Protein backbone atom coordinates (compact mmCIF):
# COMPACT_ATOMS: atom_id res chain seq x y z
CA MET A 1 15.62 -19.18 -21.34
CA SER A 2 15.86 -16.56 -19.60
CA ARG A 3 14.73 -14.87 -16.21
CA THR A 4 14.65 -11.96 -14.51
CA ILE A 5 16.76 -11.16 -11.47
CA HIS A 6 16.55 -8.45 -9.13
CA ALA A 7 18.89 -6.67 -6.37
CA LEU A 8 18.07 -3.95 -4.04
CA THR A 9 20.58 -1.15 -3.82
CA THR A 10 20.78 2.56 -2.77
CA THR A 11 20.85 5.56 -5.30
CA ASP A 12 24.46 6.83 -4.55
CA ASN A 13 25.95 3.18 -5.13
CA PRO A 14 28.11 3.66 -8.60
CA TRP A 15 28.91 -0.32 -8.35
CA ASP A 16 26.64 -2.65 -10.34
CA PRO A 17 25.47 -5.29 -7.46
CA PHE A 18 25.12 -7.92 -10.77
CA THR A 19 28.64 -8.03 -11.94
CA GLN A 20 30.71 -5.83 -9.42
CA PHE A 21 29.75 -7.41 -5.96
CA THR A 22 32.49 -6.86 -3.83
CA GLU A 23 33.09 -3.05 -5.10
CA TRP A 24 28.90 -2.53 -4.50
CA PHE A 25 29.37 -4.38 -1.32
CA GLN A 26 32.56 -2.58 0.19
CA PHE A 27 30.50 0.88 -0.49
CA ASP A 28 27.40 -0.47 0.69
CA VAL A 29 28.84 -1.62 4.30
CA SER A 30 31.34 1.29 4.47
CA HIS A 31 28.03 3.58 4.22
CA GLY A 32 26.33 2.04 6.73
CA TYR A 33 23.52 0.71 4.65
CA ASN A 34 24.01 -2.73 5.04
CA SER A 35 21.48 -3.50 1.96
CA SER A 36 22.26 -7.47 2.14
CA ALA A 37 21.40 -7.84 5.71
CA TYR A 38 18.43 -5.72 5.18
CA LEU A 39 16.88 -7.64 2.50
CA ALA A 40 17.96 -10.97 4.30
CA ARG A 41 15.83 -9.50 7.40
CA VAL A 42 12.56 -8.83 5.17
CA VAL A 43 13.06 -11.65 2.86
CA ARG A 44 10.53 -14.68 3.79
CA SER A 45 11.91 -17.67 2.67
CA SER A 46 13.36 -21.15 4.03
CA HIS A 47 16.19 -23.69 3.06
CA ASP A 48 13.46 -25.75 0.85
CA THR A 49 12.63 -23.00 -1.42
CA SER A 50 12.25 -23.60 -5.23
CA GLU A 51 15.22 -21.11 -7.01
CA ALA A 52 11.99 -19.54 -8.69
CA ASN A 53 10.42 -19.22 -5.52
CA GLU A 54 13.12 -17.97 -3.43
CA ASP A 55 13.43 -15.03 -6.92
CA TYR A 56 9.89 -13.76 -6.16
CA MET A 57 10.09 -13.74 -2.43
CA ILE A 58 13.64 -11.77 -2.79
CA GLU A 59 11.75 -9.46 -5.60
CA GLN A 60 8.53 -9.00 -3.14
CA ALA A 61 10.54 -8.17 0.14
CA ILE A 62 12.49 -5.16 -2.46
CA ASN A 63 9.77 -4.04 -3.39
CA GLU A 64 8.35 -3.96 0.17
CA ILE A 65 11.81 -1.82 1.21
CA ILE A 66 10.82 0.40 -1.54
CA ARG A 67 7.42 0.93 -0.78
CA TYR A 68 8.73 2.08 3.06
CA ASN A 69 11.47 3.30 1.79
CA LEU A 70 11.42 6.70 4.06
CA LEU A 71 14.69 8.48 3.30
CA GLY A 72 14.46 7.76 -0.44
CA ILE A 73 17.56 5.81 -0.76
CA TYR A 74 16.98 2.46 -1.94
CA LYS A 75 16.23 1.61 -5.47
CA LYS A 76 15.61 -1.92 -7.41
CA VAL A 77 18.06 -2.83 -9.92
CA SER A 78 17.11 -5.63 -12.08
CA LYS A 79 18.97 -8.17 -14.89
CA VAL A 80 17.89 -10.74 -16.95
CA VAL A 81 19.80 -13.88 -17.34
CA GLU A 82 20.18 -16.42 -19.79
CA GLU A 83 19.85 -20.44 -18.38
C-alpha cells in the first residue's frame, strides 16, 4: 500500500525536504523563511489525530499557505511512500 505525503518548501531551496531534511532545514532557516514553524502555526491538528487525518490536515494547511502566497516563494512538493 502507498500513500502520498506533502511538504512545504520555497522555490529557491535546492534541497529535498524528504531526503535531505537537515540541509533543507538549514537553508530554510538561514534565509529567514522558517517554513516548518509557519506550517505548524497554520495546520489544525491534535495529538489524538490518526496518521491519515494528520497527513490530510498538513496538506490542507500547505494548500492554504500556497493560496495566500503573496511573495510567491512557497510551493508544495509531494512524494509517494510505500508502507
